[in-house]
C-alpha cells in the first residue's frame, strides 16, 4: 500500500481502530464482550424494525427514502445501544467487575482484541451508511457529497472494511427471516 495514497477516510478508519483497541484495553474483556453483545442486539433489533418504524413515522402510504431509512436505523441503534449500555454499566457497578489481579493482563489483552473487532464493525457500518447516503443528491451540499464520494472511491481501506462487514453480516441472518434488508444487502 502506498502511504501517499492514504486519504482522510483511511485516517478516520485507522483512528477508529486504534481508539477501539485502546478503549478495549482499559475496559477489559468482560466489559468489551458485554458492549459487543449490546451492539449486536441493537443492530439486530434495528434491522428488524427500521422499516416498520419508518412506515409508522412517515405514514403507510409514503415510501421512505434511503436517507430516512438510514436516519431511523441509526437512531434505533443508538437508542438501544445507550439504553442497554446503561443497564449493563449499572449491573457492573452493582455486582462489580470481578477482575482478579492475576488475570488482569489477560483481561486487558482480551478487551483490546474485542475492541479492535468492535471498532472494525463500527467503521464498516459507518462506511456502508456513508456509501448509501452518497447515492442521493445533497442539494446545496452537492460539492461536499462529490468530495466525499471521491475520497470513498480512492480509499485504500474502505473496500476492505465494507467487505469485512458483508462477511460479518452472515451472523445476523438467523435473526432476519426475510434475509438482509436493502440497507445492508447491496451497499456498493
C-alpha atoms as a PDB file:
ATOM      1  CA  UNK A   1       0.000   0.000   0.000  1.00  0.00           C
ATOM      2  CA  UNK A   2       1.364   3.387  -1.000  1.00  0.00           C
ATOM      3  CA  UNK A   3       1.462   5.676   2.036  1.00  0.00           C
ATOM      4  CA  UNK A   4       0.867   8.693  -0.193  1.00  0.00           C
ATOM      5  CA  UNK A   5      -2.412   7.163  -1.418  1.00  0.00           C
ATOM      6  CA  UNK A   6      -3.928   7.254   2.077  1.00  0.00           C
ATOM      7  CA  UNK A   7      -6.715   9.811   2.313  1.00  0.00           C
ATOM      8  CA  UNK A   8      -8.949  11.276   5.025  1.00  0.00           C
ATOM      9  CA  UNK A   9     -11.287   8.284   5.165  1.00  0.00           C
ATOM     10  CA  UNK A  10      -8.303   5.961   5.642  1.00  0.00           C
ATOM     11  CA  UNK A  11      -7.037   8.127   8.507  1.00  0.00           C
ATOM     12  CA  UNK A  12     -10.515   8.106  10.082  1.00  0.00           C
ATOM     13  CA  UNK A  13     -10.737   4.297   9.817  1.00  0.00           C
ATOM     14  CA  UNK A  14      -7.262   3.949  11.338  1.00  0.00           C
ATOM     15  CA  UNK A  15      -8.149   6.313  14.200  1.00  0.00           C
ATOM     16  CA  UNK A  16     -11.356   4.368  14.925  1.00  0.00           C
ATOM     17  CA  UNK A  17      -9.452   1.058  15.015  1.00  0.00           C
ATOM     18  CA  UNK A  18      -6.720   2.451  17.291  1.00  0.00           C
ATOM     19  CA  UNK A  19      -9.347   4.011  19.574  1.00  0.00           C
ATOM     20  CA  UNK A  20     -11.186   0.663  19.722  1.00  0.00           C
ATOM     21  CA  UNK A  21      -8.057  -1.183  20.775  1.00  0.00           C
ATOM     22  CA  UNK A  22      -7.075   1.379  23.407  1.00  0.00           C
ATOM     23  CA  UNK A  23     -10.561   1.629  24.894  1.00  0.00           C
ATOM     24  CA  UNK A  24     -10.846  -2.175  24.886  1.00  0.00           C
ATOM     25  CA  UNK A  25      -7.550  -2.430  26.760  1.00  0.00           C
ATOM     26  CA  UNK A  26      -8.784  -0.101  29.505  1.00  0.00           C
ATOM     27  CA  UNK A  27     -12.299  -1.570  29.689  1.00  0.00           C
ATOM     28  CA  UNK A  28     -11.177  -5.167  29.899  1.00  0.00           C
ATOM     29  CA  UNK A  29     -12.505  -8.347  28.371  1.00  0.00           C
ATOM     30  CA  UNK A  30     -15.772  -8.666  30.304  1.00  0.00           C
ATOM     31  CA  UNK A  31     -16.917  -5.104  29.647  1.00  0.00           C
ATOM     32  CA  UNK A  32     -15.931  -5.337  25.973  1.00  0.00           C
ATOM     33  CA  UNK A  33     -17.801  -8.616  25.482  1.00  0.00           C
ATOM     34  CA  UNK A  34     -20.864  -7.088  27.186  1.00  0.00           C
ATOM     35  CA  UNK A  35     -20.529  -3.979  24.999  1.00  0.00           C
ATOM     36  CA  UNK A  36     -20.143  -6.130  21.873  1.00  0.00           C
ATOM     37  CA  UNK A  37     -23.254  -8.129  22.817  1.00  0.00           C
ATOM     38  CA  UNK A  38     -25.225  -4.895  23.298  1.00  0.00           C
ATOM     39  CA  UNK A  39     -24.149  -3.662  19.841  1.00  0.00           C
ATOM     40  CA  UNK A  40     -25.171  -6.993  18.315  1.00  0.00           C
ATOM     41  CA  UNK A  41     -28.644  -6.874  19.927  1.00  0.00           C
ATOM     42  CA  UNK A  42     -29.086  -3.209  18.929  1.00  0.00           C
ATOM     43  CA  UNK A  43     -28.146  -3.962  15.316  1.00  0.00           C
ATOM     44  CA  UNK A  44     -30.457  -6.982  15.044  1.00  0.00           C
ATOM     45  CA  UNK A  45     -33.386  -5.026  16.511  1.00  0.00           C
ATOM     46  CA  UNK A  46     -32.689  -2.004  14.303  1.00  0.00           C
ATOM     47  CA  UNK A  47     -32.516  -4.177  11.184  1.00  0.00           C
ATOM     48  CA  UNK A  48     -35.850  -5.762  12.058  1.00  0.00           C
ATOM     49  CA  UNK A  49     -37.717  -2.593  12.977  1.00  0.00           C
ATOM     50  CA  UNK A  50     -36.366   0.331  10.950  1.00  0.00           C
ATOM     51  CA  UNK A  51     -38.763  -0.251   8.035  1.00  0.00           C
ATOM     52  CA  UNK A  52     -41.934  -0.656  10.170  1.00  0.00           C
ATOM     53  CA  UNK A  53     -40.930   2.401  12.204  1.00  0.00           C
ATOM     54  CA  UNK A  54     -40.333   4.393   9.001  1.00  0.00           C
ATOM     55  CA  UNK A  55     -43.814   3.448   7.773  1.00  0.00           C
ATOM     56  CA  UNK A  56     -45.299   4.406  11.138  1.00  0.00           C
ATOM     57  CA  UNK A  57     -43.492   7.758  11.328  1.00  0.00           C
ATOM     58  CA  UNK A  58     -43.826   8.737   7.664  1.00  0.00           C
ATOM     59  CA  UNK A  59     -47.270   7.298   7.042  1.00  0.00           C
ATOM     60  CA  UNK A  60     -48.198   3.995   5.482  1.00  0.00           C
ATOM     61  CA  UNK A  61     -48.758   5.498   2.044  1.00  0.00           C
ATOM     62  CA  UNK A  62     -45.382   7.236   1.878  1.00  0.00           C
ATOM     63  CA  UNK A  63     -42.412   5.223   0.746  1.00  0.00           C
ATOM     64  CA  UNK A  64     -39.451   6.128   2.920  1.00  0.00           C
ATOM     65  CA  UNK A  65     -36.347   7.151   1.006  1.00  0.00           C
ATOM     66  CA  UNK A  66     -32.974   5.641   1.750  1.00  0.00           C
ATOM     67  CA  UNK A  67     -31.935   8.736   3.711  1.00  0.00           C
ATOM     68  CA  UNK A  68     -34.924   8.429   6.054  1.00  0.00           C
ATOM     69  CA  UNK A  69     -34.261   4.705   6.471  1.00  0.00           C
ATOM     70  CA  UNK A  70     -30.622   5.371   7.376  1.00  0.00           C
ATOM     71  CA  UNK A  71     -31.563   8.021   9.948  1.00  0.00           C
ATOM     72  CA  UNK A  72     -34.184   5.774  11.538  1.00  0.00           C
ATOM     73  CA  UNK A  73     -31.785   2.802  11.561  1.00  0.00           C
ATOM     74  CA  UNK A  74     -29.020   4.857  13.209  1.00  0.00           C
ATOM     75  CA  UNK A  75     -31.485   6.308  15.730  1.00  0.00           C
ATOM     76  CA  UNK A  76     -32.699   2.849  16.746  1.00  0.00           C
ATOM     77  CA  UNK A  77     -29.147   1.504  17.101  1.00  0.00           C
ATOM     78  CA  UNK A  78     -28.046   4.494  19.193  1.00  0.00           C
ATOM     79  CA  UNK A  79     -31.139   4.421  21.421  1.00  0.00           C
ATOM     80  CA  UNK A  80     -30.951   0.676  22.129  1.00  0.00           C
ATOM     81  CA  UNK A  81     -27.152   0.760  22.458  1.00  0.00           C
ATOM     82  CA  UNK A  82     -27.269   3.587  25.001  1.00  0.00           C
ATOM     83  CA  UNK A  83     -30.198   2.091  26.935  1.00  0.00           C
ATOM     84  CA  UNK A  84     -28.749  -1.422  27.182  1.00  0.00           C
ATOM     85  CA  UNK A  85     -25.285   0.041  27.784  1.00  0.00           C
ATOM     86  CA  UNK A  86     -26.607   1.921  30.816  1.00  0.00           C
ATOM     87  CA  UNK A  87     -28.281  -1.241  32.119  1.00  0.00           C
ATOM     88  CA  UNK A  88     -25.056  -3.251  31.714  1.00  0.00           C
ATOM     89  CA  UNK A  89     -22.996  -0.463  33.285  1.00  0.00           C
ATOM     90  CA  UNK A  90     -25.367  -0.331  36.260  1.00  0.00           C
ATOM     91  CA  UNK A  91     -25.157  -4.110  36.671  1.00  0.00           C
ATOM     92  CA  UNK A  92     -21.356  -3.988  36.563  1.00  0.00           C
ATOM     93  CA  UNK A  93     -21.276  -1.243  39.197  1.00  0.00           C
ATOM     94  CA  UNK A  94     -23.739  -3.135  41.391  1.00  0.00           C
ATOM     95  CA  UNK A  95     -22.055  -6.527  41.212  1.00  0.00           C
ATOM     96  CA  UNK A  96     -18.506  -5.411  40.489  1.00  0.00           C
ATOM     97  CA  UNK A  97     -16.223  -6.252  37.615  1.00  0.00           C
ATOM     98  CA  UNK A  98     -14.862  -9.390  39.348  1.00  0.00           C
ATOM     99  CA  UNK A  99     -11.426  -8.992  37.739  1.00  0.00           C
ATOM    100  CA  UNK A 100      -8.706 -10.623  39.777  1.00  0.00           C
ATOM    101  CA  UNK A 101      -5.241  -9.141  39.707  1.00  0.00           C
ATOM    102  CA  UNK A 102      -3.747 -12.401  38.432  1.00  0.00           C
ATOM    103  CA  UNK A 103      -5.937 -12.337  35.304  1.00  0.00           C
ATOM    104  CA  UNK A 104      -5.822  -8.593  34.754  1.00  0.00           C
ATOM    105  CA  UNK A 105      -3.286  -8.729  31.909  1.00  0.00           C
ATOM    106  CA  UNK A 106      -5.298 -11.388  30.113  1.00  0.00           C
ATOM    107  CA  UNK A 107      -8.490  -9.357  30.585  1.00  0.00           C
ATOM    108  CA  UNK A 108      -6.805  -6.249  29.181  1.00  0.00           C
ATOM    109  CA  UNK A 109      -5.409  -8.049  26.123  1.00  0.00           C
ATOM    110  CA  UNK A 110      -8.716  -9.805  25.518  1.00  0.00           C
ATOM    111  CA  UNK A 111     -10.519  -6.479  25.842  1.00  0.00           C
ATOM    112  CA  UNK A 112      -8.120  -4.926  23.353  1.00  0.00           C
ATOM    113  CA  UNK A 113      -8.778  -7.745  20.860  1.00  0.00           C
ATOM    114  CA  UNK A 114     -12.547  -7.415  21.193  1.00  0.00           C
ATOM    115  CA  UNK A 115     -12.116  -3.635  20.977  1.00  0.00           C
ATOM    116  CA  UNK A 116     -10.390  -3.987  17.604  1.00  0.00           C
ATOM    117  CA  UNK A 117     -13.208  -6.218  16.324  1.00  0.00           C
ATOM    118  CA  UNK A 118     -15.880  -3.900  17.726  1.00  0.00           C
ATOM    119  CA  UNK A 119     -14.257  -0.828  16.166  1.00  0.00           C
ATOM    120  CA  UNK A 120     -13.812  -2.637  12.840  1.00  0.00           C
ATOM    121  CA  UNK A 121     -17.514  -3.455  12.709  1.00  0.00           C
ATOM    122  CA  UNK A 122     -18.399   0.126  13.644  1.00  0.00           C
ATOM    123  CA  UNK A 123     -16.108   1.553  10.966  1.00  0.00           C
ATOM    124  CA  UNK A 124     -17.520  -0.878   8.404  1.00  0.00           C
ATOM    125  CA  UNK A 125     -21.101   0.033   9.242  1.00  0.00           C
ATOM    126  CA  UNK A 126     -20.222   3.744   9.063  1.00  0.00           C
ATOM    127  CA  UNK A 127     -18.685   3.235   5.605  1.00  0.00           C
ATOM    128  CA  UNK A 128     -21.723   1.351   4.316  1.00  0.00           C
ATOM    129  CA  UNK A 129     -24.112   4.016   5.583  1.00  0.00           C
ATOM    130  CA  UNK A 130     -21.885   6.727   4.069  1.00  0.00           C
ATOM    131  CA  UNK A 131     -21.769   4.859   0.760  1.00  0.00           C
ATOM    132  CA  UNK A 132     -25.554   4.543   0.687  1.00  0.00           C
ATOM    133  CA  UNK A 133     -26.121   8.175   1.646  1.00  0.00           C
ATOM    134  CA  UNK A 134     -23.781   9.340  -1.137  1.00  0.00           C
ATOM    135  CA  UNK A 135     -26.073   7.793  -3.773  1.00  0.00           C
ATOM    136  CA  UNK A 136     -28.685  10.541  -3.405  1.00  0.00           C
ATOM    137  CA  UNK A 137     -28.299  14.240  -4.127  1.00  0.00           C
ATOM    138  CA  UNK A 138     -27.480  16.545  -1.224  1.00  0.00           C
ATOM    139  CA  UNK A 139     -28.936  19.666  -2.928  1.00  0.00           C
ATOM    140  CA  UNK A 140     -26.933  22.618  -1.552  1.00  0.00           C
ATOM    141  CA  UNK A 141     -24.207  20.282  -0.314  1.00  0.00           C
ATOM    142  CA  UNK A 142     -23.577  18.568  -3.654  1.00  0.00           C
ATOM    143  CA  UNK A 143     -19.949  19.721  -3.750  1.00  0.00           C
ATOM    144  CA  UNK A 144     -19.297  18.135  -0.338  1.00  0.00           C
ATOM    145  CA  UNK A 145     -21.048  14.939  -1.475  1.00  0.00           C
ATOM    146  CA  UNK A 146     -18.825  14.755  -4.564  1.00  0.00           C
ATOM    147  CA  UNK A 147     -15.706  15.303  -2.446  1.00  0.00           C
ATOM    148  CA  UNK A 148     -16.721  12.526  -0.020  1.00  0.00           C
ATOM    149  CA  UNK A 149     -17.589  10.222  -2.909  1.00  0.00           C
ATOM    150  CA  UNK A 150     -14.146  10.789  -4.436  1.00  0.00           C
ATOM    151  CA  UNK A 151     -12.485  10.151  -1.060  1.00  0.00           C
ATOM    152  CA  UNK A 152     -14.505   6.958  -0.579  1.00  0.00           C
ATOM    153  CA  UNK A 153     -13.746   5.688  -4.082  1.00  0.00           C
ATOM    154  CA  UNK A 154     -10.000   6.305  -3.634  1.00  0.00           C
ATOM    155  CA  UNK A 155      -9.773   4.957  -0.080  1.00  0.00           C
ATOM    156  CA  UNK A 156      -7.315   2.107   0.356  1.00  0.00           C
ATOM    157  CA  UNK A 157      -9.148   0.693   3.398  1.00  0.00           C
ATOM    158  CA  UNK A 158     -12.832   1.362   2.655  1.00  0.00           C
ATOM    159  CA  UNK A 159     -13.445  -1.599   0.357  1.00  0.00           C
ATOM    160  CA  UNK A 160     -11.684  -3.951   2.802  1.00  0.00           C
ATOM    161  CA  UNK A 161     -13.894  -2.856   5.679  1.00  0.00           C
ATOM    162  CA  UNK A 162     -17.119  -2.905   3.653  1.00  0.00           C
ATOM    163  CA  UNK A 163     -16.320  -6.477   2.572  1.00  0.00           C
ATOM    164  CA  UNK A 164     -15.498  -7.313   6.208  1.00  0.00           C
ATOM    165  CA  UNK A 165     -18.981  -6.235   7.304  1.00  0.00           C
ATOM    166  CA  UNK A 166     -20.596  -8.180   4.483  1.00  0.00           C
ATOM    167  CA  UNK A 167     -18.871 -11.319   5.798  1.00  0.00           C
ATOM    168  CA  UNK A 168     -19.773 -10.494   9.403  1.00  0.00           C
ATOM    169  CA  UNK A 169     -23.415  -9.855   8.492  1.00  0.00           C
ATOM    170  CA  UNK A 170     -23.829 -13.596   7.984  1.00  0.00           C
ATOM    171  CA  UNK A 171     -24.040 -13.748  11.799  1.00  0.00           C
ATOM    172  CA  UNK A 172     -27.177 -11.582  11.666  1.00  0.00           C
ATOM    173  CA  UNK A 173     -29.083 -13.654   9.111  1.00  0.00           C
ATOM    174  CA  UNK A 174     -30.512 -16.286  11.518  1.00  0.00           C
ATOM    175  CA  UNK A 175     -32.496 -13.491  13.215  1.00  0.00           C
ATOM    176  CA  UNK A 176     -33.668 -11.927   9.967  1.00  0.00           C
ATOM    177  CA  UNK A 177     -36.200 -14.301   8.378  1.00  0.00           C
ATOM    178  CA  UNK A 178     -36.500 -12.196   5.220  1.00  0.00           C
ATOM    179  CA  UNK A 179     -32.730 -12.043   4.735  1.00  0.00           C
ATOM    180  CA  UNK A 180     -30.651  -8.901   4.923  1.00  0.00           C
ATOM    181  CA  UNK A 181     -32.669  -5.733   4.388  1.00  0.00           C
ATOM    182  CA  UNK A 182     -31.889  -3.440   1.454  1.00  0.00           C
ATOM    183  CA  UNK A 183     -29.915  -1.196   3.798  1.00  0.00           C
ATOM    184  CA  UNK A 184     -27.153  -3.828   4.070  1.00  0.00           C
ATOM    185  CA  UNK A 185     -27.853  -6.179   1.173  1.00  0.00           C
ATOM    186  CA  UNK A 186     -26.135  -4.179  -1.581  1.00  0.00           C
ATOM    187  CA  UNK A 187     -24.053  -1.345  -0.128  1.00  0.00           C
ATOM    188  CA  UNK A 188     -21.696  -0.834  -3.055  1.00  0.00           C
END
